[in-house]
Structure formats: C-alpha cells, structure tokens
Amino acid sequence: MLASPPMSTPLFTVGEPEGVETPLLVEIPHAGTHVPPQFLSEVVAPARALGRDADMYVDDLYCDATRQGASLLFSRTSRYVVDLNRSEQDIDSQSVVGGPASHNAPRGIIWRMTTEGERAIISPLSRDAFSARIEGIYRPYHGCLQQMIARKLERFGRAIVLAAHSMPSVGRRAHGDSGSGRADVVPGSRGRTSADSRIIDAVDAHARAAGFSVTHDEPYKGGYTTQHYGRPAQNVHVIQVELSRHLYMDEERLSKRAPDFDRVREWCRALVAKLGHVELG
C-alpha cells in the first residue's frame, strides 16, 4: 500500500511491504521531476535539463520492491528544488545568501548549475527561501527515512538500504569524468565501509551474472545517504547502486526503450529479493 504526506502533489511516497517483510528499504531520492508552484519562479533550468538530471524511471524499475517484502521511499520532487542526497551544509554563497565564499558547490543541496553548465537558479536563494525547502521537503523526507530505518532495526535487528540511482552512460561536461564511458553498474559503498561485504558482493555478483560490467565507487562512491546512514557496526547497511541509463532508455529522447526496460526491471526485482535475504549471521 502506498501512503504519502497529505498534499495535492505528494513530495515523496512511501511504499509498505506486501506479504512477508524483509529488512530491505529501497530509497530513490532523484527520480522526481516535480517543481512545487511556490518554487517555480526561482528555478530557471531548461525543461529538458529537468529530465536529463533526474534519475528518470528508476521508480518504475523498482516498482515491484514492495511485492518482494521491501519498504520503498521515493521522492517526486526535482533535485533542482532540493537535492535529498546532499548535506544541509553543502551550500556556497552563489547558491544561498550568506553561504561560504567557496565556489566548489555548483551542485550541492541547492543546484545552481545543471550538469550541462546552464544556470539552475535565477540567483542565490535568500535564507528564508532556503529554509522553506529544508523545512518543507528535506527534513520531512529524511525524518521519514530515519523512521523507516528505525522500524527495520526494531523488527529485524538490522536494516539494509538500497539507495537506487541512475547515471548517464558517458560523463557530461560538468562531471569529473567528462567524456568517459562508464560501467553498466556502479555499486557505491565508500570504499566498502557503508555496508557488510556480503551485501556489496551480492550486488556485484548479481550484476555480473546478467552480463553487466561493474566498477565500484567510480565515478560515484555514494552520497549523503550512504555516508550518513551507512553504519555497519550499528547494523545499518547502505549501498548506492547506479545503473547506466543506456541499459534501459534512450538518453537523448528521455524515453524508455523496450524490451530492455523490462529486462532491467526484472533485474531490479531480483536484486531486491536477493538483498532482502542476504545472510549476515
């Protein structure tokens, strides 16, 4: 069953497990493209960039997660409003008035530049505008995520978070690997520190069994969710899984590509089932 905060357009959606519940939680922070009306005047990124910088269709890829006994949390809100996989402190003076003078955060919690080098916001946000995004979206989302993790810990003694993402198949101009081809699957575990090795190895084996190429932590080692919540010593395991978009969609037209999409969706369904039953002792 899906439940959401009481709004006309939900900012995020929670999916409850169906059947036998597992310790797994699938978290999808970047699939949304919705910009709430109160923020429209501040966002100047082109509509095409809105889709190109979203993890489009990742929520569809993992739509069977609850049927496998996993919990599901995904944001419907565009990362151009607030990036839920960044720290609240990841700002600079060009993104938020009064922020640090450093110019090293063009895509922090508030994106001021798209991955193709275009402006994403019309000007630095005022402190009130920034607080509206943090208090209205960011903290409710992470509060919900924390509660869901706590529930898994209480019920199972452990929680496994699959942070589900997608990536361009080739690094874009603003990426550190601009112009370079990427692996099909990139498990991010911050140097194998955010999750038990058996979880990391299960993702690796599942990808290779499907014929996918795999590179760990490159170019993405795991963002805020992985770093902040991944605490294997406290029985909270987080692994970020980046899927190359060329596996299932036309990256230029931003459209699903059949039958590849169905194949990757089945791969995701099986991954959720596998991680939900990893034996950790």
Protein backbone atom coordinates (compact mmCIF):
# COMPACT_ATOMS: atom_id res chain seq x y z
CA MET A 1 0.00 0.00 0.00
CA LEU A 2 1.32 3.48 -0.88
CA ALA A 3 1.00 6.38 1.52
CA SER A 4 2.13 9.97 1.11
CA PRO A 5 2.10 13.26 3.02
CA PRO A 6 -1.30 14.98 2.64
CA MET A 7 -0.61 17.31 -0.30
CA SER A 8 -2.20 17.83 -3.70
CA THR A 9 1.04 16.67 -5.32
CA PRO A 10 2.94 14.44 -2.87
CA LEU A 11 6.56 15.43 -2.33
CA PHE A 12 7.51 11.83 -1.64
CA THR A 13 5.84 8.45 -1.48
CA VAL A 14 6.16 5.57 0.97
CA GLY A 15 5.51 2.01 -0.13
CA GLU A 16 4.73 -0.53 2.58
CA PRO A 17 5.89 -4.15 2.23
CA GLU A 18 3.42 -6.67 0.88
CA GLY A 19 3.48 -10.24 2.11
CA VAL A 20 6.48 -11.26 4.20
CA GLU A 21 8.52 -8.19 5.12
CA THR A 22 12.33 -8.16 4.77
CA PRO A 23 15.00 -5.88 6.31
CA LEU A 24 15.42 -4.07 2.98
CA LEU A 25 14.45 -0.47 2.24
CA VAL A 26 14.70 0.90 -1.32
CA GLU A 27 15.35 4.65 -1.29
CA ILE A 28 15.02 6.67 -4.52
CA PRO A 29 15.81 10.37 -3.99
CA HIS A 30 16.27 11.62 -7.57
CA ALA A 31 13.56 10.12 -9.79
CA GLY A 32 11.14 13.01 -9.37
CA THR A 33 10.71 15.93 -11.76
CA HIS A 34 8.00 17.91 -9.93
CA VAL A 35 8.70 21.54 -9.02
CA PRO A 36 6.13 22.80 -6.49
CA PRO A 37 4.49 26.05 -7.66
CA GLN A 38 6.00 28.15 -4.87
CA PHE A 39 9.49 27.40 -6.20
CA LEU A 40 8.85 27.80 -9.93
CA SER A 41 9.99 31.43 -10.07
CA GLU A 42 13.38 30.51 -8.60
CA VAL A 43 14.20 27.63 -10.97
CA VAL A 44 15.47 28.66 -14.41
CA ALA A 45 16.92 25.35 -15.64
CA PRO A 46 15.53 24.33 -19.05
CA ALA A 47 12.75 21.74 -19.00
CA ARG A 48 14.98 19.28 -20.88
CA ALA A 49 17.64 19.58 -18.16
CA LEU A 50 14.96 18.83 -15.58
CA GLY A 51 14.63 15.38 -17.13
CA ARG A 52 18.26 14.81 -18.03
CA ASP A 53 19.42 15.50 -14.47
CA ALA A 54 16.71 13.35 -12.91
CA ASP A 55 17.02 9.61 -12.38
CA MET A 56 14.08 9.13 -14.70
CA TYR A 57 12.16 5.86 -14.47
CA VAL A 58 14.16 4.50 -11.53
CA ASP A 59 10.93 4.43 -9.52
CA ASP A 60 9.40 2.32 -12.31
CA LEU A 61 12.40 -0.01 -12.33
CA TYR A 62 11.91 -0.73 -8.62
CA CYS A 63 8.10 -0.62 -8.58
CA ASP A 64 7.96 -4.32 -7.62
CA ALA A 65 10.05 -3.77 -4.48
CA THR A 66 7.12 -3.87 -2.05
CA ARG A 67 5.93 -7.16 -3.58
CA GLN A 68 9.31 -8.60 -2.61
CA GLY A 69 8.76 -7.58 1.02
CA ALA A 70 10.88 -4.41 0.89
CA SER A 71 9.86 -0.96 2.03
CA LEU A 72 10.06 1.84 -0.52
CA LEU A 73 10.69 5.58 -0.28
CA PHE A 74 10.93 7.76 -3.37
CA SER A 75 10.87 11.48 -3.91
CA ARG A 76 8.60 13.03 -6.51
CA THR A 77 10.32 16.39 -6.19
CA SER A 78 13.02 17.55 -8.60
CA ARG A 79 16.56 17.74 -7.30
CA TYR A 80 16.55 21.28 -8.72
CA VAL A 81 14.35 22.21 -5.76
CA VAL A 82 16.48 20.43 -3.16
CA ASP A 83 18.92 17.56 -3.54
CA LEU A 84 17.98 14.97 -0.94
CA ASN A 85 21.29 13.14 -1.32
CA ARG A 86 23.35 16.08 -0.04
CA SER A 87 24.10 17.52 3.39
CA GLU A 88 22.29 20.64 4.61
CA GLN A 89 25.72 22.28 4.86
CA ASP A 90 26.55 21.66 1.19
CA ILE A 91 25.98 25.24 0.03
CA ASP A 92 28.04 28.24 -1.06
CA SER A 93 27.46 31.96 -1.45
CA GLN A 94 26.31 31.52 -5.05
CA SER A 95 23.57 29.09 -4.08
CA VAL A 96 22.40 30.57 -0.75
CA VAL A 97 22.88 34.12 0.55
CA GLY A 98 25.33 34.07 3.43
CA GLY A 99 26.78 30.71 2.47
CA PRO A 100 30.54 30.05 2.44
CA ALA A 101 32.52 32.05 -0.13
CA SER A 102 33.82 28.85 -1.77
CA HIS A 103 32.69 28.28 -5.35
CA ASN A 104 33.00 24.49 -5.13
CA ALA A 105 29.34 23.57 -4.73
CA PRO A 106 27.61 24.11 -8.11
CA ARG A 107 25.54 21.01 -7.40
CA GLY A 108 25.19 20.85 -3.66
CA ILE A 109 21.92 20.65 -1.77
CA ILE A 110 20.78 23.58 -3.96
CA TRP A 111 21.86 23.15 -7.57
CA ARG A 112 22.94 26.42 -9.12
CA MET A 113 24.19 24.81 -12.31
CA THR A 114 23.00 21.87 -14.41
CA THR A 115 25.36 19.11 -15.49
CA GLU A 116 25.49 20.78 -18.90
CA GLY A 117 26.70 24.08 -17.44
CA GLU A 118 23.42 26.03 -17.53
CA ARG A 119 22.05 28.11 -14.69
CA ALA A 120 19.63 26.20 -12.47
CA ILE A 121 18.51 29.04 -10.17
CA ILE A 122 17.92 32.67 -11.08
CA SER A 123 20.02 33.99 -8.18
CA PRO A 124 21.28 32.85 -4.76
CA LEU A 125 18.38 31.86 -2.54
CA SER A 126 17.54 34.05 0.41
CA ARG A 127 17.81 32.40 3.81
CA ASP A 128 14.01 32.29 4.02
CA ALA A 129 13.74 30.62 0.61
CA PHE A 130 16.42 28.11 1.57
CA SER A 131 14.69 27.38 4.89
CA ALA A 132 11.39 26.80 3.07
CA ARG A 133 12.99 23.99 1.06
CA ILE A 134 14.78 22.50 4.05
CA GLU A 135 11.81 22.63 6.43
CA GLY A 136 9.17 21.79 3.85
CA ILE A 137 10.88 19.00 1.92
CA TYR A 138 14.35 17.95 3.05
CA ARG A 139 13.78 17.36 6.74
CA PRO A 140 10.39 15.65 6.34
CA TYR A 141 11.96 13.28 3.79
CA HIS A 142 14.93 12.42 5.96
CA GLY A 143 12.74 12.21 9.04
CA CYS A 144 10.68 9.60 7.22
CA LEU A 145 13.82 7.75 6.10
CA GLN A 146 15.13 7.69 9.66
CA GLN A 147 11.84 6.32 10.96
CA MET A 148 11.80 3.60 8.32
CA ILE A 149 15.35 2.56 9.19
CA ALA A 150 14.49 2.54 12.90
CA ARG A 151 11.50 0.31 12.21
CA LYS A 152 13.67 -2.20 10.34
CA LEU A 153 16.18 -2.21 13.19
CA GLU A 154 13.46 -2.79 15.75
CA ARG A 155 11.88 -5.61 13.80
CA PHE A 156 14.93 -7.39 12.35
CA GLY A 157 17.91 -6.15 14.32
CA ARG A 158 19.35 -4.79 11.08
CA ALA A 159 18.42 -2.51 8.20
CA ILE A 160 19.64 -2.68 4.61
CA VAL A 161 19.17 0.40 2.46
CA LEU A 162 19.44 0.14 -1.31
CA ALA A 163 19.95 3.73 -2.49
CA ALA A 164 18.73 3.42 -6.09
CA HIS A 165 20.11 5.81 -8.71
CA SER A 166 20.87 6.08 -12.40
CA MET A 167 23.66 7.81 -14.32
CA PRO A 168 24.46 8.97 -17.84
CA SER A 169 26.44 6.34 -19.73
CA VAL A 170 29.09 8.96 -20.53
CA GLY A 171 30.28 11.68 -18.16
CA ARG A 172 28.90 15.11 -19.05
CA ARG A 173 30.76 18.41 -19.28
CA ALA A 174 30.32 19.26 -15.61
CA HIS A 175 31.25 15.77 -14.39
CA GLY A 176 34.72 14.88 -13.19
CA ASP A 177 34.89 12.15 -15.84
CA SER A 178 33.61 14.28 -18.73
CA GLY A 179 33.51 12.30 -21.99
CA SER A 180 34.44 8.99 -20.37
CA GLY A 181 32.32 5.88 -20.73
CA ARG A 182 31.02 4.31 -17.54
CA ALA A 183 30.35 0.78 -16.35
CA ASP A 184 26.82 -0.61 -16.53
CA VAL A 185 26.52 -0.85 -12.75
CA VAL A 186 28.39 1.16 -10.11
CA PRO A 187 27.93 -0.04 -6.53
CA GLY A 188 28.90 2.77 -4.16
CA SER A 189 29.93 1.83 -0.64
CA ARG A 190 32.55 4.46 0.16
CA GLY A 191 35.42 2.01 -0.05
CA ARG A 192 33.37 -0.91 1.30
CA THR A 193 32.72 0.93 4.57
CA SER A 194 28.97 1.63 4.39
CA ALA A 195 27.72 -1.97 4.21
CA ASP A 196 28.71 -5.52 5.06
CA SER A 197 30.91 -7.10 2.40
CA ARG A 198 28.31 -9.79 1.79
CA ILE A 199 25.82 -7.15 0.67
CA ILE A 200 28.34 -5.44 -1.60
CA ASP A 201 29.41 -8.77 -3.09
CA ALA A 202 25.79 -9.78 -3.66
CA VAL A 203 25.20 -6.67 -5.80
CA ASP A 204 28.42 -7.30 -7.71
CA ALA A 205 27.60 -10.94 -8.39
CA HIS A 206 24.04 -10.14 -9.42
CA ALA A 207 25.24 -7.58 -11.96
CA ARG A 208 27.95 -9.79 -13.43
CA ALA A 209 25.57 -12.74 -13.71
CA ALA A 210 23.41 -10.59 -16.01
CA GLY A 211 26.41 -9.74 -18.18
CA PHE A 212 26.71 -6.18 -16.88
CA SER A 213 30.08 -4.51 -16.42
CA VAL A 214 30.80 -3.37 -12.86
CA THR A 215 33.03 -0.71 -11.33
CA HIS A 216 32.91 0.03 -7.62
CA ASP A 217 32.85 3.61 -6.30
CA GLU A 218 33.77 5.16 -9.64
CA PRO A 219 32.58 7.74 -10.51
CA TYR A 220 30.10 7.60 -7.59
CA LYS A 221 31.12 6.24 -4.20
CA GLY A 222 27.83 7.01 -2.51
CA GLY A 223 26.31 10.32 -1.47
CA TYR A 224 24.82 11.68 1.73
CA THR A 225 22.50 8.73 2.40
CA THR A 226 25.36 6.26 2.05
CA GLN A 227 27.78 8.31 4.13
CA HIS A 228 25.35 9.47 6.82
CA TYR A 229 23.28 6.35 7.41
CA GLY A 230 25.71 3.57 6.50
CA ARG A 231 26.86 2.24 9.87
CA PRO A 232 27.53 -1.50 9.63
CA ALA A 233 28.78 -1.60 13.24
CA GLN A 234 25.30 -0.41 14.28
CA ASN A 235 23.63 -2.88 11.87
CA VAL A 236 22.60 -0.26 9.30
CA HIS A 237 23.96 -1.15 5.86
CA VAL A 238 23.68 1.23 2.90
CA ILE A 239 24.76 0.61 -0.66
CA GLN A 240 24.20 3.01 -3.53
CA VAL A 241 23.51 1.32 -6.87
CA GLU A 242 23.95 3.41 -10.02
CA LEU A 243 22.55 1.95 -13.24
CA SER A 244 23.79 3.28 -16.58
CA ARG A 245 20.81 4.74 -18.41
CA HIS A 246 21.82 3.23 -21.73
CA LEU A 247 20.73 -0.13 -20.32
CA TYR A 248 17.03 0.75 -20.42
CA MET A 249 16.33 4.15 -22.02
CA ASP A 250 17.07 6.43 -24.92
CA GLU A 251 19.24 9.04 -23.24
CA GLU A 252 18.59 11.71 -25.86
CA ARG A 253 14.82 11.31 -26.14
CA LEU A 254 14.44 10.55 -22.44
CA SER A 255 12.16 7.62 -23.26
CA LYS A 256 12.03 4.01 -22.12
CA ARG A 257 13.48 1.51 -24.57
CA ALA A 258 11.58 -1.77 -24.84
CA PRO A 259 12.27 -4.62 -24.30
CA ASP A 260 15.43 -3.55 -22.47
CA PHE A 261 13.44 -1.70 -19.85
CA ASP A 262 11.55 -4.85 -18.88
CA ARG A 263 14.80 -6.78 -18.64
CA VAL A 264 16.35 -4.23 -16.27
CA ARG A 265 13.16 -4.00 -14.26
CA GLU A 266 13.29 -7.77 -13.74
CA TRP A 267 16.96 -7.46 -12.75
CA CYS A 268 16.00 -4.84 -10.15
CA ARG A 269 13.16 -7.02 -8.85
CA ALA A 270 15.54 -9.94 -8.41
CA LEU A 271 18.15 -7.71 -6.74
CA VAL A 272 15.59 -6.55 -4.18
CA ALA A 273 14.64 -10.15 -3.46
CA LYS A 274 18.29 -11.16 -3.11
CA LEU A 275 19.31 -8.32 -0.80
CA GLY A 276 16.28 -8.86 1.37
CA HIS A 277 17.51 -12.34 2.17
CA VAL A 278 21.28 -11.84 2.49
CA GLU A 279 22.51 -13.83 5.49
CA LEU A 280 24.61 -11.63 7.75
CA GLY A 281 24.92 -14.02 10.67
